[in-house]
Protein backbone atom coordinates (compact mmCIF):
# COMPACT_ATOMS: atom_id res chain seq x y z
CA UNK A 1 211.68 -230.35 114.77
CA UNK A 2 210.69 -233.76 116.10
CA UNK A 3 207.61 -235.22 117.72
CA UNK A 4 208.30 -237.17 120.90
CA UNK A 5 206.37 -238.61 123.81
CA UNK A 6 207.23 -237.28 127.23
CA UNK A 7 205.91 -238.26 130.64
CA UNK A 8 206.61 -234.89 132.27
CA UNK A 9 204.64 -231.68 131.83
CA UNK A 10 206.73 -228.55 132.30
CA UNK A 11 205.32 -225.32 133.74
CA UNK A 12 205.54 -223.57 130.36
CA UNK A 13 203.73 -226.36 128.45
CA UNK A 14 200.22 -225.85 127.10
CA UNK A 15 197.52 -228.47 127.76
CA UNK A 16 194.62 -228.81 125.31
CA UNK A 17 191.82 -231.37 125.66
CA UNK A 18 189.99 -232.31 122.47
CA UNK A 19 187.36 -235.06 122.23
CA UNK A 20 188.64 -236.75 125.40
CA UNK A 21 192.30 -236.69 124.39
CA UNK A 22 194.90 -234.51 126.12
CA UNK A 23 197.62 -232.90 124.06
CA UNK A 24 200.54 -231.11 125.67
CA UNK A 25 202.97 -228.97 123.72
CA UNK A 26 205.60 -226.36 124.36
CA UNK A 27 204.75 -222.72 123.69
CA UNK A 28 207.72 -222.53 121.28
CA UNK A 29 205.87 -224.96 118.98
CA UNK A 30 202.52 -223.15 118.96
CA UNK A 31 203.08 -221.84 115.42
CA UNK A 32 203.39 -225.42 114.14
CA UNK A 33 200.58 -226.87 116.27
CA UNK A 34 197.86 -224.34 115.35
CA UNK A 35 195.70 -225.74 112.57
CA UNK A 36 197.22 -229.22 112.79
CA UNK A 37 195.12 -232.35 112.38
CA UNK A 38 195.96 -235.56 114.27
CA UNK A 39 194.52 -238.77 112.87
CA UNK A 40 194.87 -242.46 113.74
CA UNK A 41 194.85 -245.18 111.12
CA UNK A 42 194.35 -248.83 112.04
CA UNK A 43 195.14 -250.36 108.66
CA UNK A 44 197.81 -253.03 108.44
CA UNK A 45 199.93 -251.14 105.88
CA UNK A 46 200.77 -248.22 108.17
CA UNK A 47 198.97 -248.24 111.51
CA UNK A 48 199.52 -245.30 113.84
CA UNK A 49 199.12 -241.58 114.16
CA UNK A 50 199.59 -239.05 111.39
CA UNK A 51 199.88 -235.31 111.88
CA UNK A 52 199.07 -232.86 109.11
CA UNK A 53 200.13 -229.27 109.69
CA UNK A 54 199.54 -226.40 107.27
CA UNK A 55 202.35 -224.50 109.06
CA UNK A 56 205.20 -226.96 108.55
CA UNK A 57 206.55 -228.79 105.55
CA UNK A 58 208.16 -231.47 107.77
CA UNK A 59 205.01 -232.92 109.41
């Protein structure tokens, strides 16, 4: 399973808006997405997004 950015939203994708941010994911991934936490770090060691999921050991 891999996280990727995509510019197109398919008809079977799910759109969720949380705190002003839109997240789109495929229904097949719902098991992995539920309960996940997305965080952004701006430190110079490792800036960027991190995703913690209690449903996947690979996130």
